Amino acid sequence: MLSFFFSLKRFSAEVISFNAKIELPEKAYTAKATGLSKGLSFEGEVAIKKGQNLIELTASVIKEELPENHQYNIGDVMYDFTVYDIKNNSITLSEVLETKKCVLLNFWATWCGWCILEFPHFEEAYQAYQDDFEVIALTPDGKDTDEGIRNTVIDNDLSFFVGRDVNAELYYTFYKFSQGGVPCSVFIDQYGLIHAVRGGAFTSYNDLADTIETIIDKY
Protein backbone atom coordinates (compact mmCIF):
# COMPACT_ATOMS: atom_id res chain seq x y z
CA MET A 1 0.00 0.00 0.00
CA LEU A 2 1.13 3.55 -0.78
CA SER A 3 0.81 6.45 1.66
CA PHE A 4 0.70 9.95 0.18
CA PHE A 5 -0.78 13.39 0.53
CA PHE A 6 -3.45 14.49 -1.89
CA SER A 7 -3.82 18.18 -2.81
CA LEU A 8 -6.31 20.08 -4.91
CA LYS A 9 -4.89 22.86 -7.03
CA ARG A 10 -6.50 25.61 -9.05
CA PHE A 11 -5.35 26.54 -12.52
CA SER A 12 -4.22 29.79 -10.96
CA ALA A 13 -1.53 27.73 -9.17
CA GLU A 14 -3.06 28.55 -5.80
CA VAL A 15 -3.35 25.45 -3.61
CA ILE A 16 -6.68 25.37 -1.83
CA SER A 17 -7.17 23.94 1.62
CA PHE A 18 -7.63 20.21 1.30
CA ASN A 19 -5.10 17.58 2.31
CA ALA A 20 -5.73 13.94 3.10
CA LYS A 21 -3.36 11.10 3.92
CA ILE A 22 -4.71 7.91 2.41
CA GLU A 23 -3.36 4.52 1.37
CA LEU A 24 -3.95 3.18 -2.14
CA PRO A 25 -2.12 0.86 -4.53
CA GLU A 26 -0.06 2.77 -7.11
CA LYS A 27 -2.24 2.86 -10.24
CA ALA A 28 -4.70 5.04 -12.15
CA TYR A 29 -8.00 5.93 -10.47
CA THR A 30 -11.15 7.69 -11.57
CA ALA A 31 -11.56 10.68 -9.26
CA LYS A 32 -14.37 13.16 -8.69
CA ALA A 33 -14.15 16.27 -6.52
CA THR A 34 -17.30 17.53 -4.80
CA GLY A 35 -18.14 20.47 -2.56
CA LEU A 36 -16.04 22.87 -4.61
CA SER A 37 -16.68 26.58 -5.04
CA LYS A 38 -19.02 27.43 -7.91
CA GLY A 39 -17.25 27.46 -11.25
CA LEU A 40 -14.61 24.90 -10.21
CA SER A 41 -14.84 21.23 -11.18
CA PHE A 42 -12.87 18.03 -11.66
CA GLU A 43 -13.73 14.58 -12.88
CA GLY A 44 -11.32 12.22 -14.60
CA GLU A 45 -8.41 9.83 -14.23
CA VAL A 46 -5.63 10.37 -11.74
CA ALA A 47 -2.37 8.45 -11.85
CA ILE A 48 -1.30 7.77 -8.26
CA LYS A 49 2.46 7.89 -7.68
CA LYS A 50 4.76 8.04 -4.68
CA GLY A 51 5.00 11.42 -2.99
CA GLN A 52 2.73 14.39 -3.51
CA ASN A 53 -0.21 13.77 -5.82
CA LEU A 54 -1.89 16.68 -7.50
CA ILE A 55 -5.32 17.18 -9.06
CA GLU A 56 -5.80 20.30 -11.18
CA LEU A 57 -9.31 21.72 -11.16
CA THR A 58 -10.92 23.17 -14.24
CA ALA A 59 -12.50 26.60 -13.94
CA SER A 60 -14.78 28.55 -16.24
CA VAL A 61 -16.96 31.64 -16.10
CA ILE A 62 -20.32 30.88 -14.45
CA LYS A 63 -23.07 31.33 -17.04
CA GLU A 64 -25.89 31.94 -14.60
CA GLU A 65 -27.56 35.09 -13.33
CA LEU A 66 -25.50 36.87 -10.71
CA PRO A 67 -27.09 36.20 -7.29
CA GLU A 68 -28.58 39.18 -5.50
CA ASN A 69 -26.19 40.84 -3.01
CA HIS A 70 -23.32 38.64 -4.19
CA GLN A 71 -19.83 39.64 -3.05
CA TYR A 72 -16.65 38.34 -4.64
CA ASN A 73 -13.46 37.16 -2.95
CA ILE A 74 -10.04 36.78 -4.54
CA GLY A 75 -9.90 33.28 -6.04
CA ASP A 76 -13.63 33.16 -6.85
CA VAL A 77 -14.84 32.41 -10.36
CA MET A 78 -16.62 35.28 -12.09
CA TYR A 79 -20.23 35.16 -13.18
CA ASP A 80 -20.55 36.03 -16.84
CA PHE A 81 -21.61 39.55 -17.74
CA THR A 82 -22.37 41.69 -20.77
CA VAL A 83 -21.97 45.48 -20.64
CA TYR A 84 -22.44 48.32 -23.13
CA ASP A 85 -20.68 51.51 -24.13
CA ILE A 86 -22.39 54.79 -24.99
CA LYS A 87 -22.71 53.70 -28.64
CA ASN A 88 -24.52 50.54 -27.46
CA ASN A 89 -21.61 48.28 -28.43
CA SER A 90 -21.45 45.28 -26.13
CA ILE A 91 -18.69 43.16 -24.63
CA THR A 92 -19.15 39.80 -22.85
CA LEU A 93 -16.62 38.40 -20.38
CA SER A 94 -16.83 34.74 -21.48
CA GLU A 95 -16.28 35.73 -25.12
CA VAL A 96 -13.26 37.86 -24.24
CA LEU A 97 -11.69 35.00 -22.29
CA GLU A 98 -11.85 32.74 -25.34
CA THR A 99 -8.81 34.63 -26.67
CA LYS A 100 -7.37 36.66 -23.76
CA LYS A 101 -5.34 35.51 -20.76
CA CYS A 102 -6.08 38.52 -18.56
CA VAL A 103 -8.94 41.00 -18.20
CA LEU A 104 -8.69 44.23 -16.24
CA LEU A 105 -12.17 45.20 -15.05
CA ASN A 106 -11.90 48.81 -13.89
CA PHE A 107 -14.49 50.95 -12.11
CA TRP A 108 -14.13 54.72 -12.54
CA ALA A 109 -16.03 58.02 -12.72
CA THR A 110 -15.69 61.15 -14.83
CA TRP A 111 -15.24 63.33 -11.71
CA CYS A 112 -12.51 61.09 -10.23
CA GLY A 113 -9.07 62.61 -10.75
CA TRP A 114 -7.23 59.44 -9.71
CA CYS A 115 -9.27 57.44 -12.21
CA ILE A 116 -8.25 59.75 -15.06
CA LEU A 117 -4.64 59.70 -13.85
CA GLU A 118 -4.31 55.95 -14.33
CA PHE A 119 -6.03 55.77 -17.73
CA PRO A 120 -2.82 56.54 -19.69
CA HIS A 121 -1.19 53.55 -17.93
CA PHE A 122 -4.13 51.37 -18.96
CA GLU A 123 -3.85 52.54 -22.56
CA GLU A 124 -0.11 51.89 -22.66
CA ALA A 125 -0.62 48.40 -21.21
CA TYR A 126 -3.47 47.70 -23.62
CA GLN A 127 -1.24 48.56 -26.56
CA ALA A 128 1.67 46.51 -25.20
CA TYR A 129 -0.25 43.36 -24.21
CA GLN A 130 -3.42 43.44 -26.33
CA ASP A 131 -2.80 39.96 -27.80
CA ASP A 132 -3.37 38.54 -24.30
CA PHE A 133 -4.95 41.41 -22.39
CA GLU A 134 -8.26 43.28 -22.38
CA VAL A 135 -9.45 46.35 -20.47
CA ILE A 136 -13.11 46.86 -19.59
CA ALA A 137 -13.57 50.24 -17.88
CA LEU A 138 -17.04 50.90 -16.45
CA THR A 139 -18.54 53.88 -14.66
CA PRO A 140 -21.03 52.82 -11.95
CA ASP A 141 -22.07 56.44 -11.32
CA GLY A 142 -25.47 57.00 -12.88
CA LYS A 143 -24.79 60.77 -12.88
CA ASP A 144 -22.01 60.40 -15.45
CA THR A 145 -23.37 61.67 -18.77
CA ASP A 146 -22.70 60.23 -22.21
CA GLU A 147 -20.96 63.50 -23.08
CA GLY A 148 -18.70 63.26 -20.03
CA ILE A 149 -17.74 59.67 -20.83
CA ARG A 150 -17.17 60.53 -24.50
CA ASN A 151 -14.96 63.51 -23.59
CA THR A 152 -12.88 61.35 -21.26
CA VAL A 153 -12.29 58.82 -24.03
CA ILE A 154 -11.35 61.54 -26.53
CA ASP A 155 -9.20 63.63 -24.17
CA ASN A 156 -7.17 60.59 -23.11
CA ASP A 157 -7.11 58.95 -26.56
CA LEU A 158 -8.47 55.67 -25.16
CA SER A 159 -8.88 52.69 -27.47
CA PHE A 160 -10.04 50.07 -24.96
CA PHE A 161 -13.67 49.42 -23.99
CA VAL A 162 -15.26 52.17 -21.88
CA GLY A 163 -18.87 51.79 -20.84
CA ARG A 164 -21.41 51.78 -18.04
CA ASP A 165 -22.05 49.53 -15.05
CA VAL A 166 -25.81 50.05 -14.98
CA ASN A 167 -27.10 50.57 -11.41
CA ALA A 168 -23.57 49.72 -10.18
CA GLU A 169 -24.54 46.04 -10.25
CA LEU A 170 -20.98 44.81 -10.85
CA TYR A 171 -19.29 47.47 -8.74
CA TYR A 172 -21.11 46.50 -5.55
CA THR A 173 -19.91 42.90 -5.87
CA PHE A 174 -16.39 44.32 -5.21
CA TYR A 175 -17.49 47.02 -2.75
CA LYS A 176 -15.53 45.62 0.20
CA PHE A 177 -12.25 45.87 -1.72
CA SER A 178 -12.74 49.45 -2.92
CA GLN A 179 -14.28 50.52 0.42
CA GLY A 180 -16.94 52.47 -1.38
CA GLY A 181 -14.76 54.44 -3.73
CA VAL A 182 -13.33 54.56 -7.22
CA PRO A 183 -11.03 53.67 -8.85
CA CYS A 184 -11.18 49.93 -8.29
CA SER A 185 -9.39 47.43 -10.54
CA VAL A 186 -10.17 43.71 -10.77
CA PHE A 187 -7.81 41.30 -12.55
CA ILE A 188 -9.42 38.17 -14.02
CA ASP A 189 -7.42 35.30 -15.52
CA GLN A 190 -8.34 33.28 -18.59
CA TYR A 191 -10.29 30.73 -16.54
CA GLY A 192 -12.51 33.41 -15.00
CA LEU A 193 -10.71 33.35 -11.64
CA ILE A 194 -10.28 36.62 -9.78
CA HIS A 195 -6.52 36.98 -9.44
CA ALA A 196 -6.34 40.34 -7.64
CA VAL A 197 -8.42 43.36 -6.65
CA ARG A 198 -6.98 46.81 -6.09
CA GLY A 199 -8.79 49.75 -4.53
CA GLY A 200 -7.03 52.94 -5.55
CA ALA A 201 -5.14 54.09 -8.62
CA PHE A 202 -2.09 52.69 -10.36
CA THR A 203 0.37 55.58 -10.18
CA SER A 204 3.03 53.91 -12.34
CA TYR A 205 2.96 51.89 -15.53
CA ASN A 206 5.52 49.39 -14.21
CA ASP A 207 3.31 48.46 -11.26
CA LEU A 208 0.43 47.71 -13.63
CA ALA A 209 2.62 45.84 -16.12
CA ASP A 210 4.05 43.63 -13.36
CA THR A 211 0.53 42.57 -12.33
CA ILE A 212 -0.47 41.81 -15.92
CA GLU A 213 2.70 39.82 -16.64
CA THR A 214 2.26 37.76 -13.45
CA ILE A 215 -1.11 36.55 -14.78
CA ILE A 216 -0.13 36.15 -18.44
CA ASP A 217 3.07 34.25 -17.63
CA LYS A 218 1.15 31.57 -15.71
CA TYR A 219 -0.31 30.19 -18.92
C-alpha atoms as a PDB file:
ATOM      1  CA  MET A   1       0.000   0.000   0.000  1.00  0.00           C
ATOM      2  CA  LEU A   2       1.130   3.552  -0.779  1.00  0.00           C
ATOM      3  CA  SER A   3       0.810   6.452   1.661  1.00  0.00           C
ATOM      4  CA  PHE A   4       0.702   9.946   0.179  1.00  0.00           C
ATOM      5  CA  PHE A   5      -0.780  13.394   0.533  1.00  0.00           C
ATOM      6  CA  PHE A   6      -3.455  14.489  -1.887  1.00  0.00           C
ATOM      7  CA  SER A   7      -3.822  18.181  -2.806  1.00  0.00           C
ATOM      8  CA  LEU A   8      -6.309  20.084  -4.909  1.00  0.00           C
ATOM      9  CA  LYS A   9      -4.890  22.862  -7.034  1.00  0.00           C
ATOM     10  CA  ARG A  10      -6.504  25.608  -9.055  1.00  0.00           C
ATOM     11  CA  PHE A  11      -5.350  26.536 -12.523  1.00  0.00           C
ATOM     12  CA  SER A  12      -4.219  29.794 -10.958  1.00  0.00           C
ATOM     13  CA  ALA A  13      -1.530  27.728  -9.174  1.00  0.00           C
ATOM     14  CA  GLU A  14      -3.058  28.550  -5.803  1.00  0.00           C
ATOM     15  CA  VAL A  15      -3.355  25.449  -3.611  1.00  0.00           C
ATOM     16  CA  ILE A  16      -6.679  25.369  -1.827  1.00  0.00           C
ATOM     17  CA  SER A  17      -7.172  23.938   1.618  1.00  0.00           C
ATOM     18  CA  PHE A  18      -7.627  20.210   1.302  1.00  0.00           C
ATOM     19  CA  ASN A  19      -5.101  17.583   2.314  1.00  0.00           C
ATOM     20  CA  ALA A  20      -5.728  13.939   3.104  1.00  0.00           C
ATOM     21  CA  LYS A  21      -3.363  11.102   3.923  1.00  0.00           C
ATOM     22  CA  ILE A  22      -4.707   7.907   2.408  1.00  0.00           C
ATOM     23  CA  GLU A  23      -3.356   4.516   1.371  1.00  0.00           C
ATOM     24  CA  LEU A  24      -3.951   3.179  -2.143  1.00  0.00           C
ATOM     25  CA  PRO A  25      -2.117   0.859  -4.534  1.00  0.00           C
ATOM     26  CA  GLU A  26      -0.063   2.768  -7.107  1.00  0.00           C
ATOM     27  CA  LYS A  27      -2.235   2.858 -10.245  1.00  0.00           C
ATOM     28  CA  ALA A  28      -4.699   5.044 -12.147  1.00  0.00           C
ATOM     29  CA  TYR A  29      -7.997   5.932 -10.473  1.00  0.00           C
ATOM     30  CA  THR A  30     -11.155   7.687 -11.571  1.00  0.00           C
ATOM     31  CA  ALA A  31     -11.564  10.680  -9.263  1.00  0.00           C
ATOM     32  CA  LYS A  32     -14.366  13.160  -8.691  1.00  0.00           C
ATOM     33  CA  ALA A  33     -14.151  16.270  -6.522  1.00  0.00           C
ATOM     34  CA  THR A  34     -17.299  17.533  -4.803  1.00  0.00           C
ATOM     35  CA  GLY A  35     -18.145  20.465  -2.560  1.00  0.00           C
ATOM     36  CA  LEU A  36     -16.042  22.872  -4.607  1.00  0.00           C
ATOM     37  CA  SER A  37     -16.677  26.577  -5.041  1.00  0.00           C
ATOM     38  CA  LYS A  38     -19.024  27.434  -7.905  1.00  0.00           C
ATOM     39  CA  GLY A  39     -17.253  27.459 -11.247  1.00  0.00           C
ATOM     40  CA  LEU A  40     -14.608  24.905 -10.215  1.00  0.00           C
ATOM     41  CA  SER A  41     -14.838  21.229 -11.180  1.00  0.00           C
ATOM     42  CA  PHE A  42     -12.874  18.026 -11.659  1.00  0.00           C
ATOM     43  CA  GLU A  43     -13.734  14.580 -12.884  1.00  0.00           C
ATOM     44  CA  GLY A  44     -11.316  12.222 -14.603  1.00  0.00           C
ATOM     45  CA  GLU A  45      -8.405   9.832 -14.233  1.00  0.00           C
ATOM     46  CA  VAL A  46      -5.628  10.373 -11.736  1.00  0.00           C
ATOM     47  CA  ALA A  47      -2.368   8.446 -11.854  1.00  0.00           C
ATOM     48  CA  ILE A  48      -1.299   7.772  -8.265  1.00  0.00           C
ATOM     49  CA  LYS A  49       2.463   7.892  -7.677  1.00  0.00           C
ATOM     50  CA  LYS A  50       4.758   8.043  -4.678  1.00  0.00           C
ATOM     51  CA  GLY A  51       5.001  11.420  -2.991  1.00  0.00           C
ATOM     52  CA  GLN A  52       2.734  14.395  -3.505  1.00  0.00           C
ATOM     53  CA  ASN A  53      -0.211  13.765  -5.822  1.00  0.00           C
ATOM     54  CA  LEU A  54      -1.888  16.684  -7.497  1.00  0.00           C
ATOM     55  CA  ILE A  55      -5.316  17.176  -9.055  1.00  0.00           C
ATOM     56  CA  GLU A  56      -5.802  20.300 -11.181  1.00  0.00           C
ATOM     57  CA  LEU A  57      -9.308  21.724 -11.163  1.00  0.00           C
ATOM     58  CA  THR A  58     -10.915  23.165 -14.238  1.00  0.00           C
ATOM     59  CA  ALA A  59     -12.499  26.597 -13.943  1.00  0.00           C
ATOM     60  CA  SER A  60     -14.776  28.546 -16.242  1.00  0.00           C
ATOM     61  CA  VAL A  61     -16.963  31.635 -16.097  1.00  0.00           C
ATOM     62  CA  ILE A  62     -20.316  30.876 -14.452  1.00  0.00           C
ATOM     63  CA  LYS A  63     -23.065  31.329 -17.035  1.00  0.00           C
ATOM     64  CA  GLU A  64     -25.888  31.936 -14.596  1.00  0.00           C
ATOM     65  CA  GLU A  65     -27.558  35.087 -13.329  1.00  0.00           C
ATOM     66  CA  LEU A  66     -25.495  36.872 -10.711  1.00  0.00           C
ATOM     67  CA  PRO A  67     -27.093  36.196  -7.291  1.00  0.00           C
ATOM     68  CA  GLU A  68     -28.584  39.180  -5.498  1.00  0.00           C
ATOM     69  CA  ASN A  69     -26.194  40.844  -3.007  1.00  0.00           C
ATOM     70  CA  HIS A  70     -23.324  38.639  -4.190  1.00  0.00           C
ATOM     71  CA  GLN A  71     -19.833  39.638  -3.047  1.00  0.00           C
ATOM     72  CA  TYR A  72     -16.646  38.338  -4.636  1.00  0.00           C
ATOM     73  CA  ASN A  73     -13.465  37.161  -2.951  1.00  0.00           C
ATOM     74  CA  ILE A  74     -10.045  36.782  -4.536  1.00  0.00           C
ATOM     75  CA  GLY A  75      -9.903  33.278  -6.040  1.00  0.00           C
ATOM     76  CA  ASP A  76     -13.634  33.163  -6.848  1.00  0.00           C
ATOM     77  CA  VAL A  77     -14.840  32.405 -10.357  1.00  0.00           C
ATOM     78  CA  MET A  78     -16.620  35.283 -12.091  1.00  0.00           C
ATOM     79  CA  TYR A  79     -20.234  35.156 -13.176  1.00  0.00           C
ATOM     80  CA  ASP A  80     -20.547  36.032 -16.842  1.00  0.00           C
ATOM     81  CA  PHE A  81     -21.614  39.553 -17.742  1.00  0.00           C
ATOM     82  CA  THR A  82     -22.368  41.693 -20.772  1.00  0.00           C
ATOM     83  CA  VAL A  83     -21.969  45.476 -20.643  1.00  0.00           C
ATOM     84  CA  TYR A  84     -22.442  48.316 -23.132  1.00  0.00           C
ATOM     85  CA  ASP A  85     -20.678  51.507 -24.129  1.00  0.00           C
ATOM     86  CA  ILE A  86     -22.387  54.793 -24.987  1.00  0.00           C
ATOM     87  CA  LYS A  87     -22.713  53.700 -28.638  1.00  0.00           C
ATOM     88  CA  ASN A  88     -24.519  50.536 -27.459  1.00  0.00           C
ATOM     89  CA  ASN A  89     -21.614  48.281 -28.434  1.00  0.00           C
ATOM     90  CA  SER A  90     -21.446  45.277 -26.126  1.00  0.00           C
ATOM     91  CA  ILE A  91     -18.692  43.157 -24.627  1.00  0.00           C
ATOM     92  CA  THR A  92     -19.152  39.797 -22.848  1.00  0.00           C
ATOM     93  CA  LEU A  93     -16.618  38.398 -20.380  1.00  0.00           C
ATOM     94  CA  SER A  94     -16.831  34.739 -21.482  1.00  0.00           C
ATOM     95  CA  GLU A  95     -16.281  35.727 -25.115  1.00  0.00           C
ATOM     96  CA  VAL A  96     -13.263  37.865 -24.240  1.00  0.00           C
ATOM     97  CA  LEU A  97     -11.694  35.000 -22.288  1.00  0.00           C
ATOM     98  CA  GLU A  98     -11.851  32.742 -25.344  1.00  0.00           C
ATOM     99  CA  THR A  99      -8.811  34.633 -26.667  1.00  0.00           C
ATOM    100  CA  LYS A 100      -7.369  36.657 -23.758  1.00  0.00           C
ATOM    101  CA  LYS A 101      -5.337  35.508 -20.757  1.00  0.00           C
ATOM    102  CA  CYS A 102      -6.081  38.522 -18.557  1.00  0.00           C
ATOM    103  CA  VAL A 103      -8.935  40.999 -18.203  1.00  0.00           C
ATOM    104  CA  LEU A 104      -8.692  44.233 -16.239  1.00  0.00           C
ATOM    105  CA  LEU A 105     -12.169  45.201 -15.052  1.00  0.00           C
ATOM    106  CA  ASN A 106     -11.899  48.807 -13.887  1.00  0.00           C
ATOM    107  CA  PHE A 107     -14.494  50.946 -12.114  1.00  0.00           C
ATOM    108  CA  TRP A 108     -14.126  54.718 -12.536  1.00  0.00           C
ATOM    109  CA  ALA A 109     -16.031  58.018 -12.718  1.00  0.00           C
ATOM    110  CA  THR A 110     -15.685  61.150 -14.829  1.00  0.00           C
ATOM    111  CA  TRP A 111     -15.239  63.330 -11.711  1.00  0.00           C
ATOM    112  CA  CYS A 112     -12.509  61.095 -10.232  1.00  0.00           C
ATOM    113  CA  GLY A 113      -9.066  62.611 -10.752  1.00  0.00           C
ATOM    114  CA  TRP A 114      -7.226  59.438  -9.709  1.00  0.00           C
ATOM    115  CA  CYS A 115      -9.267  57.441 -12.214  1.00  0.00           C
ATOM    116  CA  ILE A 116      -8.249  59.746 -15.065  1.00  0.00           C
ATOM    117  CA  LEU A 117      -4.637  59.705 -13.849  1.00  0.00           C
ATOM    118  CA  GLU A 118      -4.307  55.947 -14.326  1.00  0.00           C
ATOM    119  CA  PHE A 119      -6.034  55.767 -17.733  1.00  0.00           C
ATOM    120  CA  PRO A 120      -2.822  56.535 -19.691  1.00  0.00           C
ATOM    121  CA  HIS A 121      -1.185  53.549 -17.928  1.00  0.00           C
ATOM    122  CA  PHE A 122      -4.134  51.367 -18.957  1.00  0.00           C
ATOM    123  CA  GLU A 123      -3.854  52.541 -22.558  1.00  0.00           C
ATOM    124  CA  GLU A 124      -0.111  51.888 -22.662  1.00  0.00           C
ATOM    125  CA  ALA A 125      -0.625  48.395 -21.206  1.00  0.00           C
ATOM    126  CA  TYR A 126      -3.467  47.701 -23.617  1.00  0.00           C
ATOM    127  CA  GLN A 127      -1.239  48.563 -26.565  1.00  0.00           C
ATOM    128  CA  ALA A 128       1.670  46.514 -25.203  1.00  0.00           C
ATOM    129  CA  TYR A 129      -0.246  43.360 -24.213  1.00  0.00           C
ATOM    130  CA  GLN A 130      -3.419  43.441 -26.330  1.00  0.00           C
ATOM    131  CA  ASP A 131      -2.801  39.964 -27.797  1.00  0.00           C
ATOM    132  CA  ASP A 132      -3.366  38.537 -24.295  1.00  0.00           C
ATOM    133  CA  PHE A 133      -4.948  41.415 -22.395  1.00  0.00           C
ATOM    134  CA  GLU A 134      -8.263  43.282 -22.381  1.00  0.00           C
ATOM    135  CA  VAL A 135      -9.450  46.348 -20.468  1.00  0.00           C
ATOM    136  CA  ILE A 136     -13.114  46.862 -19.590  1.00  0.00           C
ATOM    137  CA  ALA A 137     -13.568  50.244 -17.877  1.00  0.00           C
ATOM    138  CA  LEU A 138     -17.036  50.904 -16.449  1.00  0.00           C
ATOM    139  CA  THR A 139     -18.537  53.878 -14.656  1.00  0.00           C
ATOM    140  CA  PRO A 140     -21.031  52.816 -11.955  1.00  0.00           C
ATOM    141  CA  ASP A 141     -22.067  56.439 -11.315  1.00  0.00           C
ATOM    142  CA  GLY A 142     -25.473  57.003 -12.876  1.00  0.00           C
ATOM    143  CA  LYS A 143     -24.793  60.773 -12.883  1.00  0.00           C
ATOM    144  CA  ASP A 144     -22.007  60.395 -15.451  1.00  0.00           C
ATOM    145  CA  THR A 145     -23.375  61.667 -18.766  1.00  0.00           C
ATOM    146  CA  ASP A 146     -22.699  60.233 -22.213  1.00  0.00           C
ATOM    147  CA  GLU A 147     -20.964  63.495 -23.075  1.00  0.00           C
ATOM    148  CA  GLY A 148     -18.696  63.258 -20.032  1.00  0.00           C
ATOM    149  CA  ILE A 149     -17.743  59.669 -20.833  1.00  0.00           C
ATOM    150  CA  ARG A 150     -17.168  60.532 -24.501  1.00  0.00           C
ATOM    151  CA  ASN A 151     -14.956  63.505 -23.590  1.00  0.00           C
ATOM    152  CA  THR A 152     -12.882  61.349 -21.256  1.00  0.00           C
ATOM    153  CA  VAL A 153     -12.293  58.820 -24.034  1.00  0.00           C
ATOM    154  CA  ILE A 154     -11.353  61.543 -26.529  1.00  0.00           C
ATOM    155  CA  ASP A 155      -9.205  63.633 -24.167  1.00  0.00           C
ATOM    156  CA  ASN A 156      -7.169  60.592 -23.114  1.00  0.00           C
ATOM    157  CA  ASP A 157      -7.112  58.949 -26.564  1.00  0.00           C
ATOM    158  CA  LEU A 158      -8.466  55.669 -25.163  1.00  0.00           C
ATOM    159  CA  SER A 159      -8.885  52.686 -27.475  1.00  0.00           C
ATOM    160  CA  PHE A 160     -10.039  50.069 -24.956  1.00  0.00           C
ATOM    161  CA  PHE A 161     -13.673  49.416 -23.986  1.00  0.00           C
ATOM    162  CA  VAL A 162     -15.259  52.169 -21.881  1.00  0.00           C
ATOM    163  CA  GLY A 163     -18.874  51.787 -20.841  1.00  0.00           C
ATOM    164  CA  ARG A 164     -21.411  51.776 -18.042  1.00  0.00           C
ATOM    165  CA  ASP A 165     -22.048  49.530 -15.049  1.00  0.00           C
ATOM    166  CA  VAL A 166     -25.810  50.047 -14.976  1.00  0.00           C
ATOM    167  CA  ASN A 167     -27.102  50.571 -11.411  1.00  0.00           C
ATOM    168  CA  ALA A 168     -23.566  49.722 -10.182  1.00  0.00           C
ATOM    169  CA  GLU A 169     -24.545  46.036 -10.247  1.00  0.00           C
ATOM    170  CA  LEU A 170     -20.983  44.806 -10.847  1.00  0.00           C
ATOM    171  CA  TYR A 171     -19.288  47.466  -8.736  1.00  0.00           C
ATOM    172  CA  TYR A 172     -21.113  46.496  -5.551  1.00  0.00           C
ATOM    173  CA  THR A 173     -19.909  42.902  -5.868  1.00  0.00           C
ATOM    174  CA  PHE A 174     -16.392  44.319  -5.215  1.00  0.00           C
ATOM    175  CA  TYR A 175     -17.487  47.022  -2.752  1.00  0.00           C
ATOM    176  CA  LYS A 176     -15.533  45.617   0.200  1.00  0.00           C
ATOM    177  CA  PHE A 177     -12.253  45.870  -1.723  1.00  0.00           C
ATOM    178  CA  SER A 178     -12.745  49.451  -2.921  1.00  0.00           C
ATOM    179  CA  GLN A 179     -14.275  50.517   0.419  1.00  0.00           C
ATOM    180  CA  GLY A 180     -16.945  52.465  -1.376  1.00  0.00           C
ATOM    181  CA  GLY A 181     -14.758  54.440  -3.730  1.00  0.00           C
ATOM    182  CA  VAL A 182     -13.332  54.556  -7.217  1.00  0.00           C
ATOM    183  CA  PRO A 183     -11.034  53.673  -8.849  1.00  0.00           C
ATOM    184  CA  CYS A 184     -11.180  49.934  -8.295  1.00  0.00           C
ATOM    185  CA  SER A 185      -9.386  47.429 -10.535  1.00  0.00           C
ATOM    186  CA  VAL A 186     -10.167  43.714 -10.773  1.00  0.00           C
ATOM    187  CA  PHE A 187      -7.806  41.296 -12.546  1.00  0.00           C
ATOM    188  CA  ILE A 188      -9.422  38.171 -14.017  1.00  0.00           C
ATOM    189  CA  ASP A 189      -7.417  35.303 -15.523  1.00  0.00           C
ATOM    190  CA  GLN A 190      -8.339  33.282 -18.592  1.00  0.00           C
ATOM    191  CA  TYR A 191     -10.292  30.732 -16.540  1.00  0.00           C
ATOM    192  CA  GLY A 192     -12.507  33.407 -15.005  1.00  0.00           C
ATOM    193  CA  LEU A 193     -10.709  33.347 -11.642  1.00  0.00           C
ATOM    194  CA  ILE A 194     -10.275  36.620  -9.776  1.00  0.00           C
ATOM    195  CA  HIS A 195      -6.519  36.980  -9.437  1.00  0.00           C
ATOM    196  CA  ALA A 196      -6.338  40.341  -7.643  1.00  0.00           C
ATOM    197  CA  VAL A 197      -8.417  43.359  -6.647  1.00  0.00           C
ATOM    198  CA  ARG A 198      -6.979  46.810  -6.092  1.00  0.00           C
ATOM    199  CA  GLY A 199      -8.786  49.747  -4.526  1.00  0.00           C
ATOM    200  CA  GLY A 200      -7.032  52.936  -5.549  1.00  0.00           C
ATOM    201  CA  ALA A 201      -5.138  54.094  -8.616  1.00  0.00           C
ATOM    202  CA  PHE A 202      -2.091  52.691 -10.362  1.00  0.00           C
ATOM    203  CA  THR A 203       0.366  55.577 -10.177  1.00  0.00           C
ATOM    204  CA  SER A 204       3.026  53.911 -12.339  1.00  0.00           C
ATOM    205  CA  TYR A 205       2.961  51.891 -15.527  1.00  0.00           C
ATOM    206  CA  ASN A 206       5.519  49.387 -14.213  1.00  0.00           C
ATOM    207  CA  ASP A 207       3.309  48.463 -11.257  1.00  0.00           C
ATOM    208  CA  LEU A 208       0.435  47.715 -13.626  1.00  0.00           C
ATOM    209  CA  ALA A 209       2.624  45.845 -16.122  1.00  0.00           C
ATOM    210  CA  ASP A 210       4.051  43.626 -13.357  1.00  0.00           C
ATOM    211  CA  THR A 211       0.531  42.571 -12.330  1.00  0.00           C
ATOM    212  CA  ILE A 212      -0.468  41.807 -15.920  1.00  0.00           C
ATOM    213  CA  GLU A 213       2.704  39.822 -16.641  1.00  0.00           C
ATOM    214  CA  THR A 214       2.257  37.764 -13.455  1.00  0.00           C
ATOM    215  CA  ILE A 215      -1.110  36.547 -14.781  1.00  0.00           C
ATOM    216  CA  ILE A 216      -0.127  36.146 -18.437  1.00  0.00           C
ATOM    217  CA  ASP A 217       3.074  34.252 -17.632  1.00  0.00           C
ATOM    218  CA  LYS A 218       1.147  31.566 -15.713  1.00  0.00           C
ATOM    219  CA  TYR A 219      -0.306  30.185 -18.920  1.00  0.00           C
END
